[in-house]
């Protein structure tokens, strides 16, 4: 499988002095031919002035960013957009750190022009329910699967949240991890290109004690057979599979795909064809360059490098990828200063 050369690649407009730092984009396609991108931005990740911002492409032109959700003194993180026609659901995290963030949800019925008040996703639950970074999967049954994970000070774990009523209620389903251990391989020497903006830049020893898998990306190969790839601390992308529509999962296991303990995202094009956006770099907390697309024509059994979107020094991270209108649409973080948008044509 090949990906033809890009149709376009551009930085999103970010206004003048609106924010210093931005990260963790998500995107959806809206009728008639619009794109909506969300991300968090502020002075610095984890600080109380971070907010959820939106950028919209209409007629091929990006408008100025709009601050959609903010609360003074409260850090905002990791938005996830889900669209069903003009109805858009926005999920995002709030909290002082990733260890104690919780999930909020807001709904728009006019394509993201106006929003309901944000509410807790699961009232009374202080754990980070719902999608943690990547898009929801709508199963062939119509149920929603949200790729989720938890990051405590001791442990990283993945799960899915399932909703059969359009996101009103959720049921958590854990994903076991093969061969859990206490001391992942890694060294602070590979923390290249991250230290300027890293939330824990003064406590790398503690960072390297974490072990686990987080931030799944999901696809359904045939009805009832669901799969996920996961970010890991172990130098490889991990995978888990379900043959009962996501009701149970096998222990997550290592794949041959390298992973630098940074975000990944995948789109399923049908017929076993997959495109994964990632940093194809091995090593716990390793460098976040290049930003690349890799593809599979056999449901993830084998992979090949398709295209490098970035190859220079810097941080190019946390990609989001969707297929719409015969094109692939990709966004990712550019040096924590901006979000890049790419449009490509799949072969």
C-alpha atoms as a PDB file:
ATOM      1  CA  UNK A   1       0.000   0.000   0.000  1.00  0.00           C
ATOM      2  CA  UNK A   2       1.281   3.450  -0.933  1.00  0.00           C
ATOM      3  CA  UNK A   3       0.402   6.994   0.018  1.00  0.00           C
ATOM      4  CA  UNK A   4       0.656   9.520  -2.810  1.00  0.00           C
ATOM      5  CA  UNK A   5       2.520  12.767  -2.182  1.00  0.00           C
ATOM      6  CA  UNK A   6       0.811  15.295   0.034  1.00  0.00           C
ATOM      7  CA  UNK A   7      -1.778  17.669  -1.341  1.00  0.00           C
ATOM      8  CA  UNK A   8      -0.952  20.240   1.332  1.00  0.00           C
ATOM      9  CA  UNK A   9       0.908  20.771   4.597  1.00  0.00           C
ATOM     10  CA  UNK A  10       0.496  23.936   6.638  1.00  0.00           C
ATOM     11  CA  UNK A  11       0.646  25.439  10.098  1.00  0.00           C
ATOM     12  CA  UNK A  12      -2.701  26.450  11.564  1.00  0.00           C
ATOM     13  CA  UNK A  13      -3.194  30.181  12.180  1.00  0.00           C
ATOM     14  CA  UNK A  14      -2.596  30.907  15.858  1.00  0.00           C
ATOM     15  CA  UNK A  15      -3.248  34.635  16.149  1.00  0.00           C
ATOM     16  CA  UNK A  16      -0.887  37.056  17.852  1.00  0.00           C
ATOM     17  CA  UNK A  17      -0.038  36.440  21.497  1.00  0.00           C
ATOM     18  CA  UNK A  18      -3.047  34.182  22.105  1.00  0.00           C
ATOM     19  CA  UNK A  19      -0.955  31.382  23.603  1.00  0.00           C
ATOM     20  CA  UNK A  20       2.658  30.287  23.953  1.00  0.00           C
ATOM     21  CA  UNK A  21       2.314  26.508  23.893  1.00  0.00           C
ATOM     22  CA  UNK A  22      -0.138  24.073  22.256  1.00  0.00           C
ATOM     23  CA  UNK A  23      -0.462  20.316  22.031  1.00  0.00           C
ATOM     24  CA  UNK A  24      -2.655  17.219  21.569  1.00  0.00           C
ATOM     25  CA  UNK A  25      -4.811  17.985  18.541  1.00  0.00           C
ATOM     26  CA  UNK A  26      -7.924  16.105  17.438  1.00  0.00           C
ATOM     27  CA  UNK A  27      -9.970  16.587  14.274  1.00  0.00           C
ATOM     28  CA  UNK A  28     -13.284  15.714  12.658  1.00  0.00           C
ATOM     29  CA  UNK A  29     -14.840  16.261   9.239  1.00  0.00           C
ATOM     30  CA  UNK A  30     -18.136  18.157   9.164  1.00  0.00           C
ATOM     31  CA  UNK A  31     -20.702  18.839   6.450  1.00  0.00           C
ATOM     32  CA  UNK A  32     -20.370  20.526   4.022  1.00  0.00           C
ATOM     33  CA  UNK A  33     -16.670  19.731   3.663  1.00  0.00           C
ATOM     34  CA  UNK A  34     -15.434  21.528   6.792  1.00  0.00           C
ATOM     35  CA  UNK A  35     -12.783  20.379   9.238  1.00  0.00           C
ATOM     36  CA  UNK A  36     -12.776  21.146  12.957  1.00  0.00           C
ATOM     37  CA  UNK A  37      -9.610  20.811  15.041  1.00  0.00           C
ATOM     38  CA  UNK A  38      -9.331  21.056  18.828  1.00  0.00           C
ATOM     39  CA  UNK A  39      -6.215  21.205  21.020  1.00  0.00           C
ATOM     40  CA  UNK A  40      -5.143  22.576  24.386  1.00  0.00           C
ATOM     41  CA  UNK A  41      -3.051  25.718  24.572  1.00  0.00           C
ATOM     42  CA  UNK A  42      -1.749  28.229  27.066  1.00  0.00           C
ATOM     43  CA  UNK A  43       1.535  29.320  28.573  1.00  0.00           C
ATOM     44  CA  UNK A  44       2.735  25.776  29.205  1.00  0.00           C
ATOM     45  CA  UNK A  45       1.319  22.261  29.548  1.00  0.00           C
ATOM     46  CA  UNK A  46      -0.169  21.684  32.991  1.00  0.00           C
ATOM     47  CA  UNK A  47      -0.495  25.356  33.936  1.00  0.00           C
ATOM     48  CA  UNK A  48      -3.738  26.988  35.002  1.00  0.00           C
ATOM     49  CA  UNK A  49      -4.144  29.177  31.933  1.00  0.00           C
ATOM     50  CA  UNK A  50      -4.370  26.279  29.485  1.00  0.00           C
ATOM     51  CA  UNK A  51      -7.700  26.070  27.646  1.00  0.00           C
ATOM     52  CA  UNK A  52      -9.388  24.118  24.879  1.00  0.00           C
ATOM     53  CA  UNK A  53      -9.078  25.921  21.553  1.00  0.00           C
ATOM     54  CA  UNK A  54     -10.809  25.277  18.219  1.00  0.00           C
ATOM     55  CA  UNK A  55      -9.682  25.929  14.633  1.00  0.00           C
ATOM     56  CA  UNK A  56     -12.021  25.525  11.653  1.00  0.00           C
ATOM     57  CA  UNK A  57     -11.309  25.029   7.965  1.00  0.00           C
ATOM     58  CA  UNK A  58     -14.030  26.262   5.625  1.00  0.00           C
ATOM     59  CA  UNK A  59     -13.622  26.341   1.865  1.00  0.00           C
ATOM     60  CA  UNK A  60     -10.042  25.167   2.276  1.00  0.00           C
ATOM     61  CA  UNK A  61      -9.145  28.170   4.447  1.00  0.00           C
ATOM     62  CA  UNK A  62      -8.368  28.046   8.158  1.00  0.00           C
ATOM     63  CA  UNK A  63      -9.941  30.665  10.395  1.00  0.00           C
ATOM     64  CA  UNK A  64      -8.417  32.182  13.498  1.00  0.00           C
ATOM     65  CA  UNK A  65      -8.431  30.000  16.635  1.00  0.00           C
ATOM     66  CA  UNK A  66     -11.253  30.354  19.154  1.00  0.00           C
ATOM     67  CA  UNK A  67     -10.953  29.645  22.874  1.00  0.00           C
ATOM     68  CA  UNK A  68     -13.868  27.322  23.578  1.00  0.00           C
ATOM     69  CA  UNK A  69     -13.480  26.105  27.180  1.00  0.00           C
ATOM     70  CA  UNK A  70     -11.414  27.645  29.957  1.00  0.00           C
ATOM     71  CA  UNK A  71     -11.492  28.018  33.717  1.00  0.00           C
ATOM     72  CA  UNK A  72      -8.956  30.239  35.427  1.00  0.00           C
ATOM     73  CA  UNK A  73      -6.428  28.316  37.461  1.00  0.00           C
ATOM     74  CA  UNK A  74      -7.432  24.905  36.074  1.00  0.00           C
ATOM     75  CA  UNK A  75      -5.271  23.042  33.552  1.00  0.00           C
ATOM     76  CA  UNK A  76      -7.092  21.695  30.473  1.00  0.00           C
ATOM     77  CA  UNK A  77      -5.780  18.706  28.524  1.00  0.00           C
ATOM     78  CA  UNK A  78      -6.257  16.282  25.601  1.00  0.00           C
ATOM     79  CA  UNK A  79      -9.487  17.180  23.778  1.00  0.00           C
ATOM     80  CA  UNK A  80     -11.185  14.503  21.671  1.00  0.00           C
ATOM     81  CA  UNK A  81     -13.818  15.371  19.058  1.00  0.00           C
ATOM     82  CA  UNK A  82     -16.544  13.044  17.801  1.00  0.00           C
ATOM     83  CA  UNK A  83     -18.934  14.062  15.008  1.00  0.00           C
ATOM     84  CA  UNK A  84     -22.237  12.639  13.814  1.00  0.00           C
ATOM     85  CA  UNK A  85     -23.302  15.025  11.069  1.00  0.00           C
ATOM     86  CA  UNK A  86     -23.539  18.503  12.587  1.00  0.00           C
ATOM     87  CA  UNK A  87     -23.745  17.065  16.117  1.00  0.00           C
ATOM     88  CA  UNK A  88     -20.304  17.194  17.709  1.00  0.00           C
ATOM     89  CA  UNK A  89     -19.245  15.873  21.101  1.00  0.00           C
ATOM     90  CA  UNK A  90     -16.123  17.248  22.762  1.00  0.00           C
ATOM     91  CA  UNK A  91     -14.391  15.334  25.529  1.00  0.00           C
ATOM     92  CA  UNK A  92     -11.475  16.831  27.448  1.00  0.00           C
ATOM     93  CA  UNK A  93      -9.554  16.453  30.688  1.00  0.00           C
ATOM     94  CA  UNK A  94      -9.171  18.939  33.550  1.00  0.00           C
ATOM     95  CA  UNK A  95      -6.923  18.729  36.595  1.00  0.00           C
ATOM     96  CA  UNK A  96      -3.558  19.846  37.922  1.00  0.00           C
ATOM     97  CA  UNK A  97      -1.690  16.757  36.610  1.00  0.00           C
ATOM     98  CA  UNK A  98      -2.304  13.637  34.520  1.00  0.00           C
ATOM     99  CA  UNK A  99      -2.422  11.673  37.782  1.00  0.00           C
ATOM    100  CA  UNK A 100      -5.661  13.274  38.924  1.00  0.00           C
ATOM    101  CA  UNK A 101      -7.364  14.656  35.819  1.00  0.00           C
ATOM    102  CA  UNK A 102     -11.046  13.935  35.141  1.00  0.00           C
ATOM    103  CA  UNK A 103     -13.127  14.018  31.981  1.00  0.00           C
ATOM    104  CA  UNK A 104     -15.706  16.560  30.897  1.00  0.00           C
ATOM    105  CA  UNK A 105     -18.075  16.461  27.950  1.00  0.00           C
ATOM    106  CA  UNK A 106     -19.840  19.183  25.945  1.00  0.00           C
ATOM    107  CA  UNK A 107     -22.153  18.853  22.934  1.00  0.00           C
ATOM    108  CA  UNK A 108     -22.751  21.062  19.915  1.00  0.00           C
ATOM    109  CA  UNK A 109     -25.679  20.643  17.521  1.00  0.00           C
ATOM    110  CA  UNK A 110     -24.416  23.227  15.018  1.00  0.00           C
ATOM    111  CA  UNK A 111     -21.036  21.866  14.017  1.00  0.00           C
ATOM    112  CA  UNK A 112     -19.108  23.359  16.921  1.00  0.00           C
ATOM    113  CA  UNK A 113     -20.330  26.946  16.546  1.00  0.00           C
ATOM    114  CA  UNK A 114     -21.988  26.873  19.976  1.00  0.00           C
ATOM    115  CA  UNK A 115     -21.718  24.410  22.848  1.00  0.00           C
ATOM    116  CA  UNK A 116     -23.629  23.142  25.824  1.00  0.00           C
ATOM    117  CA  UNK A 117     -22.130  23.674  29.251  1.00  0.00           C
ATOM    118  CA  UNK A 118     -19.409  21.134  29.987  1.00  0.00           C
ATOM    119  CA  UNK A 119     -20.388  18.400  32.431  1.00  0.00           C
ATOM    120  CA  UNK A 120     -18.523  15.484  34.075  1.00  0.00           C
ATOM    121  CA  UNK A 121     -18.567  12.488  31.753  1.00  0.00           C
ATOM    122  CA  UNK A 122     -19.308  10.048  34.593  1.00  0.00           C
ATOM    123  CA  UNK A 123     -20.641  12.060  37.560  1.00  0.00           C
ATOM    124  CA  UNK A 124     -19.011  11.132  40.843  1.00  0.00           C
ATOM    125  CA  UNK A 125     -16.173   9.135  39.249  1.00  0.00           C
ATOM    126  CA  UNK A 126     -12.787  10.753  39.839  1.00  0.00           C
ATOM    127  CA  UNK A 127     -10.966   8.413  37.442  1.00  0.00           C
ATOM    128  CA  UNK A 128     -10.267   9.577  33.855  1.00  0.00           C
ATOM    129  CA  UNK A 129     -13.172   7.975  32.020  1.00  0.00           C
ATOM    130  CA  UNK A 130     -13.853   8.124  28.288  1.00  0.00           C
ATOM    131  CA  UNK A 131     -11.368   8.859  25.486  1.00  0.00           C
ATOM    132  CA  UNK A 132      -7.954   9.873  26.762  1.00  0.00           C
ATOM    133  CA  UNK A 133      -6.487  11.201  23.501  1.00  0.00           C
ATOM    134  CA  UNK A 134      -7.621   9.340  20.390  1.00  0.00           C
ATOM    135  CA  UNK A 135     -10.967   9.291  18.606  1.00  0.00           C
ATOM    136  CA  UNK A 136     -13.939   7.102  19.472  1.00  0.00           C
ATOM    137  CA  UNK A 137     -14.699   3.985  17.459  1.00  0.00           C
ATOM    138  CA  UNK A 138     -18.322   3.472  16.402  1.00  0.00           C
ATOM    139  CA  UNK A 139     -18.816  -0.283  16.144  1.00  0.00           C
ATOM    140  CA  UNK A 140     -20.884  -2.068  13.521  1.00  0.00           C
ATOM    141  CA  UNK A 141     -23.524  -2.479  16.261  1.00  0.00           C
ATOM    142  CA  UNK A 142     -23.698   1.300  16.746  1.00  0.00           C
ATOM    143  CA  UNK A 143     -22.052   1.150  20.189  1.00  0.00           C
ATOM    144  CA  UNK A 144     -19.289   3.611  21.011  1.00  0.00           C
ATOM    145  CA  UNK A 145     -15.875   2.448  22.210  1.00  0.00           C
ATOM    146  CA  UNK A 146     -13.696   5.117  23.803  1.00  0.00           C
ATOM    147  CA  UNK A 147      -9.943   4.353  23.938  1.00  0.00           C
ATOM    148  CA  UNK A 148      -8.974   5.183  27.507  1.00  0.00           C
ATOM    149  CA  UNK A 149      -6.119   4.919  29.976  1.00  0.00           C
ATOM    150  CA  UNK A 150      -5.040   5.925  33.447  1.00  0.00           C
ATOM    151  CA  UNK A 151      -1.663   7.326  34.538  1.00  0.00           C
ATOM    152  CA  UNK A 152      -1.147   7.186  38.282  1.00  0.00           C
ATOM    153  CA  UNK A 153       2.158   7.978  39.972  1.00  0.00           C
ATOM    154  CA  UNK A 154       2.903   4.227  40.045  1.00  0.00           C
ATOM    155  CA  UNK A 155       1.178   2.613  37.083  1.00  0.00           C
ATOM    156  CA  UNK A 156      -0.033   3.080  33.507  1.00  0.00           C
ATOM    157  CA  UNK A 157      -3.029   1.039  32.368  1.00  0.00           C
ATOM    158  CA  UNK A 158      -5.298   0.987  29.337  1.00  0.00           C
ATOM    159  CA  UNK A 159      -9.013   0.292  29.130  1.00  0.00           C
ATOM    160  CA  UNK A 160     -11.988   1.010  26.904  1.00  0.00           C
ATOM    161  CA  UNK A 161     -15.201   2.722  27.895  1.00  0.00           C
ATOM    162  CA  UNK A 162     -18.283   1.406  26.111  1.00  0.00           C
ATOM    163  CA  UNK A 163     -21.520   3.331  25.587  1.00  0.00           C
ATOM    164  CA  UNK A 164     -24.631   1.899  23.959  1.00  0.00           C
ATOM    165  CA  UNK A 165     -26.722   5.061  24.395  1.00  0.00           C
ATOM    166  CA  UNK A 166     -24.741   7.654  22.474  1.00  0.00           C
ATOM    167  CA  UNK A 167     -22.464   8.655  25.315  1.00  0.00           C
ATOM    168  CA  UNK A 168     -24.977   9.078  28.142  1.00  0.00           C
ATOM    169  CA  UNK A 169     -23.697   6.143  30.211  1.00  0.00           C
ATOM    170  CA  UNK A 170     -20.425   4.224  30.090  1.00  0.00           C
ATOM    171  CA  UNK A 171     -19.098   0.816  31.110  1.00  0.00           C
ATOM    172  CA  UNK A 172     -15.368   0.368  31.756  1.00  0.00           C
ATOM    173  CA  UNK A 173     -13.600  -2.688  30.306  1.00  0.00           C
ATOM    174  CA  UNK A 174      -9.973  -3.225  31.333  1.00  0.00           C
ATOM    175  CA  UNK A 175      -7.196  -4.356  28.995  1.00  0.00           C
ATOM    176  CA  UNK A 176      -4.652  -6.677  30.666  1.00  0.00           C
ATOM    177  CA  UNK A 177      -0.932  -6.229  30.000  1.00  0.00           C
ATOM    178  CA  UNK A 178       1.444  -9.071  29.176  1.00  0.00           C
ATOM    179  CA  UNK A 179       4.548  -9.371  31.370  1.00  0.00           C
ATOM    180  CA  UNK A 180       4.188  -6.384  33.655  1.00  0.00           C
ATOM    181  CA  UNK A 181       7.447  -5.309  35.259  1.00  0.00           C
ATOM    182  CA  UNK A 182       8.654  -2.494  37.478  1.00  0.00           C
ATOM    183  CA  UNK A 183      11.661  -0.991  35.715  1.00  0.00           C
ATOM    184  CA  UNK A 184      11.255  -0.103  32.044  1.00  0.00           C
ATOM    185  CA  UNK A 185      14.403   0.283  29.974  1.00  0.00           C
ATOM    186  CA  UNK A 186      15.407   3.834  29.255  1.00  0.00           C
ATOM    187  CA  UNK A 187      17.682   6.672  30.156  1.00  0.00           C
ATOM    188  CA  UNK A 188      17.324  10.375  30.581  1.00  0.00           C
ATOM    189  CA  UNK A 189      19.904  10.766  27.837  1.00  0.00           C
ATOM    190  CA  UNK A 190      17.264  10.053  25.191  1.00  0.00           C
ATOM    191  CA  UNK A 191      15.043  12.886  26.415  1.00  0.00           C
ATOM    192  CA  UNK A 192      16.030  14.940  23.397  1.00  0.00           C
ATOM    193  CA  UNK A 193      13.764  17.652  22.051  1.00  0.00           C
ATOM    194  CA  UNK A 194      11.357  17.412  24.983  1.00  0.00           C
ATOM    195  CA  UNK A 195      12.957  19.100  27.971  1.00  0.00           C
ATOM    196  CA  UNK A 196      11.883  22.633  27.111  1.00  0.00           C
ATOM    197  CA  UNK A 197       8.227  21.748  27.500  1.00  0.00           C
ATOM    198  CA  UNK A 198       8.224  18.523  29.495  1.00  0.00           C
ATOM    199  CA  UNK A 199       5.899  18.652  32.462  1.00  0.00           C
ATOM    200  CA  UNK A 200       8.249  16.581  34.620  1.00  0.00           C
ATOM    201  CA  UNK A 201      11.556  17.874  33.307  1.00  0.00           C
ATOM    202  CA  UNK A 202      13.043  18.152  36.833  1.00  0.00           C
ATOM    203  CA  UNK A 203      12.095  14.615  37.913  1.00  0.00           C
ATOM    204  CA  UNK A 204      13.256  12.293  35.145  1.00  0.00           C
ATOM    205  CA  UNK A 205      14.189   9.482  37.540  1.00  0.00           C
ATOM    206  CA  UNK A 206      10.562   9.203  38.601  1.00  0.00           C
ATOM    207  CA  UNK A 207       9.382   9.348  35.005  1.00  0.00           C
ATOM    208  CA  UNK A 208      11.507   6.351  34.075  1.00  0.00           C
ATOM    209  CA  UNK A 209      10.038   4.228  36.860  1.00  0.00           C
ATOM    210  CA  UNK A 210       6.644   4.191  35.142  1.00  0.00           C
ATOM    211  CA  UNK A 211       5.728   1.074  33.204  1.00  0.00           C
ATOM    212  CA  UNK A 212       2.701   0.278  31.118  1.00  0.00           C
ATOM    213  CA  UNK A 213       0.594   1.109  28.093  1.00  0.00           C
ATOM    214  CA  UNK A 214      -1.686   4.098  27.483  1.00  0.00           C
ATOM    215  CA  UNK A 215      -3.568   6.031  24.804  1.00  0.00           C
ATOM    216  CA  UNK A 216      -5.026   3.250  22.620  1.00  0.00           C
ATOM    217  CA  UNK A 217      -6.134   3.732  19.024  1.00  0.00           C
ATOM    218  CA  UNK A 218      -8.939   1.413  17.846  1.00  0.00           C
ATOM    219  CA  UNK A 219     -10.319  -0.240  14.726  1.00  0.00           C
ATOM    220  CA  UNK A 220     -12.871  -2.928  13.836  1.00  0.00           C
ATOM    221  CA  UNK A 221     -11.583  -5.271  11.115  1.00  0.00           C
ATOM    222  CA  UNK A 222     -14.842  -7.201  10.636  1.00  0.00           C
ATOM    223  CA  UNK A 223     -18.027  -7.035  12.711  1.00  0.00           C
ATOM    224  CA  UNK A 224     -17.258  -8.042  16.295  1.00  0.00           C
ATOM    225  CA  UNK A 225     -13.473  -8.185  15.849  1.00  0.00           C
ATOM    226  CA  UNK A 226     -11.900  -5.099  17.394  1.00  0.00           C
ATOM    227  CA  UNK A 227      -8.230  -4.243  17.813  1.00  0.00           C
ATOM    228  CA  UNK A 228      -6.077  -1.611  19.430  1.00  0.00           C
ATOM    229  CA  UNK A 229      -2.521  -0.349  19.204  1.00  0.00           C
ATOM    230  CA  UNK A 230      -1.067   1.303  22.299  1.00  0.00           C
ATOM    231  CA  UNK A 231       1.704   3.662  23.301  1.00  0.00           C
ATOM    232  CA  UNK A 232       4.120   1.947  25.686  1.00  0.00           C
ATOM    233  CA  UNK A 233       7.150   2.534  27.913  1.00  0.00           C
ATOM    234  CA  UNK A 234       8.898  -0.495  26.408  1.00  0.00           C
ATOM    235  CA  UNK A 235      10.196   0.692  23.054  1.00  0.00           C
ATOM    236  CA  UNK A 236       7.476  -1.018  21.020  1.00  0.00           C
ATOM    237  CA  UNK A 237       3.887  -0.334  20.035  1.00  0.00           C
ATOM    238  CA  UNK A 238       1.690  -2.827  21.877  1.00  0.00           C
ATOM    239  CA  UNK A 239      -1.497  -4.475  20.594  1.00  0.00           C
ATOM    240  CA  UNK A 240      -4.603  -6.102  22.039  1.00  0.00           C
ATOM    241  CA  UNK A 241      -7.498  -7.853  20.287  1.00  0.00           C
ATOM    242  CA  UNK A 242     -11.131  -8.606  21.039  1.00  0.00           C
ATOM    243  CA  UNK A 243     -13.388 -11.109  19.268  1.00  0.00           C
ATOM    244  CA  UNK A 244     -16.548 -10.124  21.155  1.00  0.00           C
ATOM    245  CA  UNK A 245     -17.037  -6.514  20.129  1.00  0.00           C
ATOM    246  CA  UNK A 246     -14.770  -5.079  22.806  1.00  0.00           C
ATOM    247  CA  UNK A 247     -16.432  -6.816  25.751  1.00  0.00           C
ATOM    248  CA  UNK A 248     -13.138  -8.522  26.641  1.00  0.00           C
ATOM    249  CA  UNK A 249      -9.529  -8.176  25.484  1.00  0.00           C
ATOM    250  CA  UNK A 250      -6.453 -10.359  25.285  1.00  0.00           C
ATOM    251  CA  UNK A 251      -3.330  -9.301  27.181  1.00  0.00           C
ATOM    252  CA  UNK A 252      -1.610  -6.460  25.341  1.00  0.00           C
ATOM    253  CA  UNK A 253       1.510  -7.759  23.584  1.00  0.00           C
ATOM    254  CA  UNK A 254       4.484  -6.177  21.809  1.00  0.00           C
ATOM    255  CA  UNK A 255       4.479  -5.662  18.035  1.00  0.00           C
ATOM    256  CA  UNK A 256       7.541  -5.121  15.820  1.00  0.00           C
ATOM    257  CA  UNK A 257       6.607  -1.418  15.502  1.00  0.00           C
ATOM    258  CA  UNK A 258       9.021   0.885  17.380  1.00  0.00           C
ATOM    259  CA  UNK A 259       7.559   3.364  19.856  1.00  0.00           C
ATOM    260  CA  UNK A 260       9.214   6.203  21.737  1.00  0.00           C
ATOM    261  CA  UNK A 261       6.577   6.380  24.484  1.00  0.00           C
ATOM    262  CA  UNK A 262       4.664   9.044  22.581  1.00  0.00           C
ATOM    263  CA  UNK A 263       1.237   9.267  21.007  1.00  0.00           C
ATOM    264  CA  UNK A 264       0.070   7.299  17.975  1.00  0.00           C
ATOM    265  CA  UNK A 265      -3.154   7.288  15.960  1.00  0.00           C
ATOM    266  CA  UNK A 266      -4.547   5.006  13.283  1.00  0.00           C
ATOM    267  CA  UNK A 267      -7.176   5.021  10.555  1.00  0.00           C
ATOM    268  CA  UNK A 268      -8.769   1.906   9.048  1.00  0.00           C
ATOM    269  CA  UNK A 269      -9.439   2.198   5.321  1.00  0.00           C
ATOM    270  CA  UNK A 270     -11.262  -1.132   4.985  1.00  0.00           C
ATOM    271  CA  UNK A 271     -10.114  -4.475   3.640  1.00  0.00           C
ATOM    272  CA  UNK A 272      -7.380  -4.798   6.247  1.00  0.00           C
ATOM    273  CA  UNK A 273      -5.706  -1.538   5.140  1.00  0.00           C
ATOM    274  CA  UNK A 274      -4.386   0.571   8.006  1.00  0.00           C
ATOM    275  CA  UNK A 275      -2.419   3.809   8.181  1.00  0.00           C
ATOM    276  CA  UNK A 276      -0.662   4.614  11.453  1.00  0.00           C
ATOM    277  CA  UNK A 277       0.761   8.044  12.283  1.00  0.00           C
ATOM    278  CA  UNK A 278       3.653   7.838  14.745  1.00  0.00           C
ATOM    279  CA  UNK A 279       7.256   8.554  15.595  1.00  0.00           C
ATOM    280  CA  UNK A 280       8.920   5.312  14.410  1.00  0.00           C
ATOM    281  CA  UNK A 281      11.607   5.532  17.084  1.00  0.00           C
ATOM    282  CA  UNK A 282      12.482   2.995  19.770  1.00  0.00           C
ATOM    283  CA  UNK A 283      13.257   3.907  23.368  1.00  0.00           C
ATOM    284  CA  UNK A 284      11.376   5.034  26.460  1.00  0.00           C
ATOM    285  CA  UNK A 285      10.900   8.824  26.226  1.00  0.00           C
ATOM    286  CA  UNK A 286      13.048   8.913  23.102  1.00  0.00           C
ATOM    287  CA  UNK A 287      13.100  11.736  20.538  1.00  0.00           C
ATOM    288  CA  UNK A 288       9.838  12.796  18.867  1.00  0.00           C
ATOM    289  CA  UNK A 289      11.103  12.992  15.321  1.00  0.00           C
ATOM    290  CA  UNK A 290      10.564  11.951  12.578  1.00  0.00           C
ATOM    291  CA  UNK A 291       6.790  12.128  12.249  1.00  0.00           C
ATOM    292  CA  UNK A 292       5.832   9.381   9.832  1.00  0.00           C
ATOM    293  CA  UNK A 293       3.034   7.329   8.324  1.00  0.00           C
ATOM    294  CA  UNK A 294       3.361   3.553   8.233  1.00  0.00           C
ATOM    295  CA  UNK A 295       0.889   1.248   6.542  1.00  0.00           C
ATOM    296  CA  UNK A 296      -0.419  -2.298   6.653  1.00  0.00           C
ATOM    297  CA  UNK A 297      -2.447  -4.209   4.062  1.00  0.00           C
ATOM    298  CA  UNK A 298      -3.047  -7.259   6.296  1.00  0.00           C
ATOM    299  CA  UNK A 299      -4.778  -5.879   9.389  1.00  0.00           C
ATOM    300  CA  UNK A 300      -1.567  -4.994  11.146  1.00  0.00           C
ATOM    301  CA  UNK A 301       0.353  -8.239  10.734  1.00  0.00           C
ATOM    302  CA  UNK A 302       3.079  -6.513   8.706  1.00  0.00           C
ATOM    303  CA  UNK A 303       3.938  -2.846   8.211  1.00  0.00           C
ATOM    304  CA  UNK A 304       5.880  -0.686   5.782  1.00  0.00           C
ATOM    305  CA  UNK A 305       7.056   2.939   5.902  1.00  0.00           C
ATOM    306  CA  UNK A 306       4.861   5.120   3.676  1.00  0.00           C
ATOM    307  CA  UNK A 307       5.892   8.721   4.154  1.00  0.00           C
ATOM    308  CA  UNK A 308       7.868  10.968   6.486  1.00  0.00           C
ATOM    309  CA  UNK A 309       5.997  14.175   7.293  1.00  0.00           C
ATOM    310  CA  UNK A 310       8.879  15.619   9.362  1.00  0.00           C
ATOM    311  CA  UNK A 311      12.526  14.583   9.503  1.00  0.00           C
ATOM    312  CA  UNK A 312      14.327  17.498  11.172  1.00  0.00           C
ATOM    313  CA  UNK A 313      15.283  18.073  14.779  1.00  0.00           C
ATOM    314  CA  UNK A 314      12.483  19.110  17.104  1.00  0.00           C
ATOM    315  CA  UNK A 315       9.302  17.762  18.623  1.00  0.00           C
ATOM    316  CA  UNK A 316       6.697  16.505  16.138  1.00  0.00           C
ATOM    317  CA  UNK A 317       4.229  14.531  18.180  1.00  0.00           C
ATOM    318  CA  UNK A 318       0.712  13.421  19.098  1.00  0.00           C
ATOM    319  CA  UNK A 319      -0.725  12.874  15.621  1.00  0.00           C
ATOM    320  CA  UNK A 320      -4.425  12.564  14.856  1.00  0.00           C
ATOM    321  CA  UNK A 321      -5.562  10.983  11.582  1.00  0.00           C
ATOM    322  CA  UNK A 322      -8.944  10.536   9.884  1.00  0.00           C
ATOM    323  CA  UNK A 323     -10.199   9.592   6.410  1.00  0.00           C
ATOM    324  CA  UNK A 324     -12.871  11.778   4.806  1.00  0.00           C
ATOM    325  CA  UNK A 325     -13.812  12.871   1.303  1.00  0.00           C
ATOM    326  CA  UNK A 326     -11.357  10.460  -0.328  1.00  0.00           C
ATOM    327  CA  UNK A 327      -8.402  11.981   1.560  1.00  0.00           C
ATOM    328  CA  UNK A 328      -6.407  11.413   4.695  1.00  0.00           C
ATOM    329  CA  UNK A 329      -6.335  14.346   7.096  1.00  0.00           C
ATOM    330  CA  UNK A 330      -3.563  14.513   9.709  1.00  0.00           C
ATOM    331  CA  UNK A 331      -2.744  16.987  12.461  1.00  0.00           C
ATOM    332  CA  UNK A 332       0.180  16.913  14.889  1.00  0.00           C
ATOM    333  CA  UNK A 333       2.116  19.094  17.314  1.00  0.00           C
ATOM    334  CA  UNK A 334       4.923  21.216  15.861  1.00  0.00           C
ATOM    335  CA  UNK A 335       7.522  21.998  18.545  1.00  0.00           C
ATOM    336  CA  UNK A 336       4.732  22.764  21.037  1.00  0.00           C
ATOM    337  CA  UNK A 337       4.327  26.123  19.249  1.00  0.00           C
ATOM    338  CA  UNK A 338       1.709  25.234  16.684  1.00  0.00           C
ATOM    339  CA  UNK A 339      -0.414  22.504  15.101  1.00  0.00           C
ATOM    340  CA  UNK A 340       0.334  21.291  11.575  1.00  0.00           C
ATOM    341  CA  UNK A 341      -2.362  20.074   9.176  1.00  0.00           C
ATOM    342  CA  UNK A 342      -1.635  17.706   6.269  1.00  0.00           C
ATOM    343  CA  UNK A 343      -3.926  16.442   3.499  1.00  0.00           C
ATOM    344  CA  UNK A 344      -2.943  13.313   1.598  1.00  0.00           C
ATOM    345  CA  UNK A 345      -4.444  10.964  -0.963  1.00  0.00           C
ATOM    346  CA  UNK A 346      -4.364   7.237  -0.144  1.00  0.00           C
ATOM    347  CA  UNK A 347      -3.610   4.867  -3.004  1.00  0.00           C
END
